[in-house]
Protein backbone atom coordinates (compact mmCIF):
# COMPACT_ATOMS: atom_id res chain seq x y z
CA MET A 1 125.00 105.72 103.20
CA ARG A 2 124.75 107.31 99.80
CA GLU A 3 123.14 110.64 99.03
CA SER A 4 119.60 110.56 97.64
CA LYS A 5 119.11 111.88 94.11
CA GLN A 6 117.12 115.07 93.52
CA LEU A 7 113.62 114.53 92.17
CA PRO A 8 112.86 116.28 88.89
CA ASP A 9 109.90 118.64 88.50
CA PHE A 10 106.98 116.89 86.86
CA LYS A 11 104.68 118.60 84.36
CA ASN A 12 101.73 116.42 85.29
CA GLU A 13 100.72 113.12 86.89
CA ALA A 14 101.34 111.16 83.67
CA ASP A 15 104.88 112.56 83.51
CA GLU A 16 105.49 111.48 87.10
CA SER A 17 103.99 108.04 86.47
CA ASP A 18 106.30 107.52 83.48
CA PHE A 19 109.26 108.56 85.62
CA TRP A 20 108.49 106.01 88.36
CA ASP A 21 107.95 103.27 85.79
CA ASN A 22 111.63 103.62 84.91
CA HIS A 23 113.32 104.62 88.19
CA ASP A 24 113.94 103.03 91.57
CA VAL A 25 112.35 104.86 94.51
CA THR A 26 115.26 103.89 96.78
CA GLU A 27 117.57 106.15 94.74
CA TYR A 28 115.42 109.17 95.61
CA PHE A 29 114.28 108.51 99.18
CA ASP A 30 116.05 107.22 102.28
CA MET A 31 113.91 104.16 103.02
CA ASN A 32 115.34 104.01 106.57
CA LYS A 33 113.32 107.15 107.30
CA ALA A 34 110.11 105.73 105.83
CA LYS A 35 107.11 105.50 108.13
CA ILE A 36 104.14 103.17 108.01
CA VAL A 37 101.01 105.08 107.05
CA HIS A 38 97.44 103.81 107.13
CA PHE A 39 94.85 105.18 104.74
CA ALA A 40 91.72 104.15 106.63
CA ASN A 41 89.27 106.00 104.41
CA LEU A 42 90.42 104.63 101.06
CA LYS A 43 87.89 102.57 99.16
CA LYS A 44 89.08 99.27 97.76
CA SER A 45 89.31 99.03 94.01
CA THR A 46 86.50 97.03 92.51
CA LYS A 47 86.00 95.18 89.28
CA SER A 48 82.70 94.25 87.68
CA ILE A 49 82.17 90.62 86.83
CA SER A 50 79.44 88.72 85.06
CA LEU A 51 78.03 85.88 87.13
CA ARG A 52 75.26 83.59 85.96
CA LEU A 53 73.00 82.43 88.79
CA PRO A 54 69.74 80.50 88.71
CA VAL A 55 66.72 82.81 88.72
CA ASP A 56 65.33 81.22 91.89
CA MET A 57 68.65 81.88 93.68
CA ILE A 58 68.58 85.54 92.65
CA GLU A 59 64.99 85.86 93.86
CA ALA A 60 65.90 84.27 97.20
CA LEU A 61 68.86 86.65 97.52
CA LYS A 62 66.61 89.63 96.82
CA VAL A 63 64.10 88.53 99.47
CA LYS A 64 66.85 87.99 102.06
CA ALA A 65 68.54 91.29 101.14
CA ASN A 66 65.24 93.15 101.39
CA ALA A 67 64.68 91.72 104.88
CA MET A 68 68.17 92.95 105.85
CA ASP A 69 67.61 96.32 104.11
CA VAL A 70 70.68 95.99 101.86
CA PRO A 71 71.01 95.73 98.07
CA TYR A 72 71.19 92.13 96.95
CA GLN A 73 74.57 92.68 95.27
CA SER A 74 75.92 93.85 98.64
CA LEU A 75 74.50 90.76 100.29
CA ILE A 76 76.33 88.59 97.74
CA LYS A 77 79.59 90.41 98.62
CA ILE A 78 78.92 89.82 102.34
CA PHE A 79 78.31 86.12 101.74
CA LEU A 80 81.46 85.81 99.60
CA ALA A 81 83.60 87.64 102.17
CA ASN A 82 82.33 85.38 104.97
CA ALA A 83 82.93 82.27 102.87
CA LEU A 84 86.49 83.38 102.09
CA LYS A 85 87.21 83.99 105.79
CA SER A 86 86.08 80.50 106.74
CA ALA A 87 87.69 78.72 103.76
C-alpha cells in the first residue's frame, strides 16, 4: 500500500474545485477506509423546463391539485414520478 499524498491548503472553494478537476482522489485518501454516508436531508437538484400543455389539461390539474391541497406543479411531479416507477 502506498502512502497518501498531503493535501494542499486551499484559498477558497474555487481553488479546491480546480484542484480536484485535475487530481485523482485516490492519491490523497485511502479508499479502503472510506465509509458509506447517507445525506438524508439533501434536496435533489432541480432544473426548470418549459412544457406546453393544453389549457383544459392545466385547468383540470389545478382543480385536482386544489382538491388535494398541493400546488399544481407539485401534482405534475407526483404524476410523473408515479408514471416513471410503473414504466
